[in-house]
Amino acid sequence: MNNGVNSEMVVLARKSRGLTQEELANLTGISQGHLSKYEARGHKVPEDQLAKIAEAVDYPESFFFQTEEPIGLGPSILYHRKKQRLGQKKLQQIEAIVNVLRLQLRALLAKCEIDSENEFPRYDIEDHNHNATRIAQLIRAQWRLPMGPIKNIIRIIENAGGVVMNCDFGTKDFDGLGVLGQGIRPFFFTNKDIPTDRLRFTLAHEIGHIVMHQANLSPEIEQEANEFASEFLMPADEICEELKPFSLEKAARLKLEWKVSIAALGRRAWSLGVISESQYKRFCTHISALGYRTKEPISLSEEKPSVPKKLVEALQQELKQSYQEMAAIAHCKLGEFIANYLGRPAVNVLGLGG
């Protein structure tokens, strides 16, 4: 880093907009060779060149003077089932978007803390013999969740100190992820385009990663997170009898009650021994033929985050901050700040088309 500009922020800004060095060079009139130097540590970025880069990627110049380094996305990406379909450029963009939002939240929360009733504990999966079901039961007990379906999983996360943000990742092939944000406070970034049943399972899955997989990673972590999510959303002792006798019609009714997908209910019926493996395979074939793998019938009511707006309200009331001042704290432009934190529209970052 030289003259105060953090080379990591130059890379982060470019990737968050989905740009290659060549594309940014074309937008700025700066040679790709010079951009390559600016993205390497120890090379000074002239003021006029920084101004061109900042304008092209639509960040204020203060963005490039942040001293923190970006983080990797951890277990959510390591064995992500769709990463091959996404491609490296899109994964890099998602990672950059998440890092930009993570830094924004950290900066805003440093100015005004949001209290919570609970917190996210850590349960090393190895200490529990890789029993993700048991850990899900422990979390439900620790958070004092009532028996039966979880009415609003975002509220559960927020009550435990987590922050959820709906994002435009520019693809339907990435549902979301959770990262440690500030101390023990996790941040969850979810795709604004996925239906509520998928959103809820994604968030439960990511809770599992946050709780179980900070220390020990293995090829089984996706399976363990899915096992956690199934028990967290559909406790075996409470749903098993409701699944009997299992049918597509029953799954459709239970979807409204338990707020999970028909596909998830079918898999739960199989995992609990309510239906055989052959019955489950026929069930999967049937819902695929009906098009339910792409879009299921019966829409669930939307669940929206509340912490971003509460954070803005707290900064207004306690510190008398204007939106423009908050945007400056977050090192983003005013329009993007309003979109990100007031929810109209949902998070939408330039250059997300490809």
Foldseek 3Di string as FASTA:
>chain_A
DPPLFDLLLLVLLQLLQLHDLVRLCVQQVNDSVVNVQSNDPPDDDDPVSLVSSCVSSAFPSVSRNDDDHQDDQPPCPPQPPLDVVCDDSLNSNVSSNVRLVLLLVVLLCVVPPDDAQAAQAADACVVVVVQLLVVLVVVCVRLVPDPFADPAVLVSLVNRQEFEAEADSLDPRRAWAWDCRPVRYIYIYGHPPDAQQSNLLRVQLRSSCSHHPPPDDDSCSSVSSNSSSLCNQPNCVRCQVQCPQPDLVSLVVVCQRSVHASLSSLVVCDVSPNDDPVVSVVVVVVCVVVVVVPPNPDGYDDHDTDVLQVSVVCCCPPVVDDLCRSCVSSRGDSVQSCCGRVPVDGRDGHNSND
